[in-house]
Amino acid sequence: MLTTPEGWWLIVAGCGVGFLFAVVALCVSVVSFPLMLDRHAGAGDAMVTSLRAVARNPLPMAAWGLIVAVLLVLGSLPFFLGLAIVIPLLGHATWHLYRRVIAPELNPQPLPPRPQRQRRPAADFPAALFPWRRRDGA
């Protein structure tokens, strides 16, 4: 592969396509996950917001993508053990990036109360998956 022009073409094209996939993944997800957690937005709205944030801040987002790539490579070098430090660090930094890029919500909507669920004993676990098969008819 390293000695033929076709092999080098494959390496260059493969790295280029991988780079494009990485850029698309970064653009779609840079602030979408924290937005879904913070404001309970839908996936579509979160991705559109993320794309808008990247369009408004292309250089800082490119730098962030480079930082993420470098830290993931460095975390992978010691038999992937460094990822135990790098992944939480990147998660924390992503939250702070989200808080800097997305303006705080001025009128937060309260979450609707969750409906009460019936408590079941742990012994009902397999039967709880199939409510039509329960013996007590509940």
Protein backbone atom coordinates (compact mmCIF):
# COMPACT_ATOMS: atom_id res chain seq x y z
CA MET A 1 0.00 0.00 0.00
CA LEU A 2 2.85 2.37 0.76
CA THR A 3 4.79 1.50 -2.39
CA THR A 4 2.15 2.06 -5.08
CA PRO A 5 0.47 5.25 -6.28
CA GLU A 6 -2.94 3.58 -5.84
CA GLY A 7 -2.09 2.81 -2.24
CA TRP A 8 -1.15 6.41 -1.55
CA TRP A 9 -4.31 7.58 -3.30
CA LEU A 10 -6.31 5.26 -1.03
CA ILE A 11 -4.57 6.65 2.06
CA VAL A 12 -5.13 10.28 1.03
CA ALA A 13 -8.75 9.72 -0.02
CA GLY A 14 -9.51 7.70 3.13
CA CYS A 15 -8.04 10.35 5.40
CA GLY A 16 -9.91 13.07 3.50
CA VAL A 17 -13.25 11.30 3.78
CA GLY A 18 -12.60 10.56 7.46
CA PHE A 19 -11.76 14.22 8.03
CA LEU A 20 -15.02 15.28 6.36
CA PHE A 21 -17.00 12.87 8.54
CA ALA A 22 -15.25 14.26 11.63
CA VAL A 23 -16.03 17.85 10.62
CA VAL A 24 -19.70 17.02 10.06
CA ALA A 25 -19.88 15.19 13.40
CA LEU A 26 -18.27 18.15 15.18
CA CYS A 27 -20.56 20.69 13.52
CA VAL A 28 -23.70 18.72 14.32
CA SER A 29 -22.83 17.84 17.91
CA VAL A 30 -20.64 20.61 19.32
CA VAL A 31 -23.42 22.13 21.43
CA SER A 32 -26.33 19.81 20.68
CA PHE A 33 -25.83 17.33 23.53
CA PRO A 34 -25.52 19.98 26.27
CA LEU A 35 -28.49 21.82 24.74
CA MET A 36 -30.66 18.70 24.90
CA LEU A 37 -29.64 18.15 28.52
CA ASP A 38 -30.02 21.76 29.61
CA ARG A 39 -33.17 22.87 27.81
CA HIS A 40 -34.72 19.54 26.87
CA ALA A 41 -34.63 20.52 23.18
CA GLY A 42 -35.37 18.03 20.46
CA ALA A 43 -32.56 16.46 18.46
CA GLY A 44 -33.39 18.40 15.28
CA ASP A 45 -33.49 21.77 17.03
CA ALA A 46 -30.27 20.98 18.88
CA MET A 47 -28.45 20.04 15.66
CA VAL A 48 -29.64 23.19 13.87
CA THR A 49 -28.52 25.29 16.84
CA SER A 50 -25.15 23.58 16.78
CA LEU A 51 -24.74 24.25 13.06
CA ARG A 52 -25.62 27.92 13.62
CA ALA A 53 -23.10 28.18 16.45
CA VAL A 54 -20.37 26.76 14.21
CA ALA A 55 -21.35 29.11 11.37
CA ARG A 56 -21.07 32.13 13.69
CA ASN A 57 -17.76 31.02 15.27
CA PRO A 58 -15.82 29.02 12.65
CA LEU A 59 -12.28 29.62 13.92
CA PRO A 60 -12.93 28.91 17.62
CA MET A 61 -14.91 25.79 16.66
CA ALA A 62 -12.09 24.61 14.39
CA ALA A 63 -9.66 25.16 17.25
CA TRP A 64 -11.98 23.23 19.57
CA GLY A 65 -12.11 20.36 17.07
CA LEU A 66 -8.32 20.30 16.92
CA ILE A 67 -8.08 20.32 20.72
CA VAL A 68 -10.54 17.41 20.93
CA ALA A 69 -8.65 15.41 18.30
CA VAL A 70 -5.26 15.98 19.93
CA LEU A 71 -6.52 15.13 23.41
CA LEU A 72 -8.22 11.96 22.18
CA VAL A 73 -5.02 10.83 20.44
CA LEU A 74 -2.93 11.60 23.53
CA GLY A 75 -5.43 9.80 25.75
CA SER A 76 -5.33 6.77 23.47
CA LEU A 77 -1.55 6.39 23.49
CA PRO A 78 -1.09 4.78 26.92
CA PHE A 79 -3.22 1.72 26.02
CA PHE A 80 -6.38 3.87 26.06
CA LEU A 81 -6.00 4.40 29.81
CA GLY A 82 -5.57 8.14 29.35
CA LEU A 83 -9.14 8.31 28.04
CA ALA A 84 -10.32 7.86 31.63
CA ILE A 85 -8.95 11.36 32.24
CA VAL A 86 -9.50 12.91 28.82
CA ILE A 87 -13.18 12.01 28.28
CA PRO A 88 -14.50 13.60 31.52
CA LEU A 89 -12.23 16.60 30.94
CA LEU A 90 -13.65 17.06 27.44
CA GLY A 91 -17.20 16.65 28.74
CA HIS A 92 -16.65 19.35 31.34
CA ALA A 93 -15.01 21.64 28.80
CA THR A 94 -17.88 21.05 26.35
CA TRP A 95 -20.36 22.20 28.98
CA HIS A 96 -18.39 25.42 29.49
CA LEU A 97 -18.16 25.91 25.71
CA TYR A 98 -21.93 25.50 25.49
CA ARG A 99 -22.49 28.04 28.27
CA ARG A 100 -20.24 30.55 26.45
CA VAL A 101 -21.73 30.08 22.99
CA ILE A 102 -25.45 29.75 23.74
CA ALA A 103 -27.18 32.65 25.47
CA PRO A 104 -28.96 31.75 28.69
CA GLU A 105 -32.69 31.21 28.41
CA LEU A 106 -34.50 34.30 29.69
CA ASN A 107 -37.84 32.62 30.33
CA PRO A 108 -37.18 29.00 31.29
CA GLN A 109 -40.26 26.84 30.97
CA PRO A 110 -40.99 24.63 33.96
CA LEU A 111 -40.89 20.93 33.30
CA PRO A 112 -44.23 19.18 33.47
CA PRO A 113 -44.53 16.87 36.47
CA ARG A 114 -43.75 13.25 35.80
CA PRO A 115 -46.68 10.87 36.21
CA GLN A 116 -46.51 8.61 39.23
CA ARG A 117 -45.44 5.09 38.38
CA GLN A 118 -46.57 2.03 40.21
CA ARG A 119 -43.81 0.57 42.36
CA ARG A 120 -43.10 -3.05 41.67
CA PRO A 121 -40.90 -5.48 43.54
CA ALA A 122 -37.67 -6.53 41.88
CA ALA A 123 -38.91 -10.11 41.72
CA ASP A 124 -41.41 -8.97 39.06
CA PHE A 125 -38.62 -7.95 36.68
CA PRO A 126 -39.18 -10.35 33.81
CA ALA A 127 -42.94 -10.13 34.19
CA ALA A 128 -42.79 -6.34 34.24
CA LEU A 129 -41.47 -6.42 30.68
CA PHE A 130 -44.61 -8.20 29.52
CA PRO A 131 -47.56 -6.60 31.35
CA TRP A 132 -50.14 -8.68 29.47
CA ARG A 133 -48.63 -11.84 31.00
CA ARG A 134 -48.90 -10.79 34.65
CA ARG A 135 -50.84 -13.19 36.87
CA ASP A 136 -52.56 -10.58 39.04
CA GLY A 137 -54.13 -8.89 36.01
CA ALA A 138 -52.68 -5.46 36.83
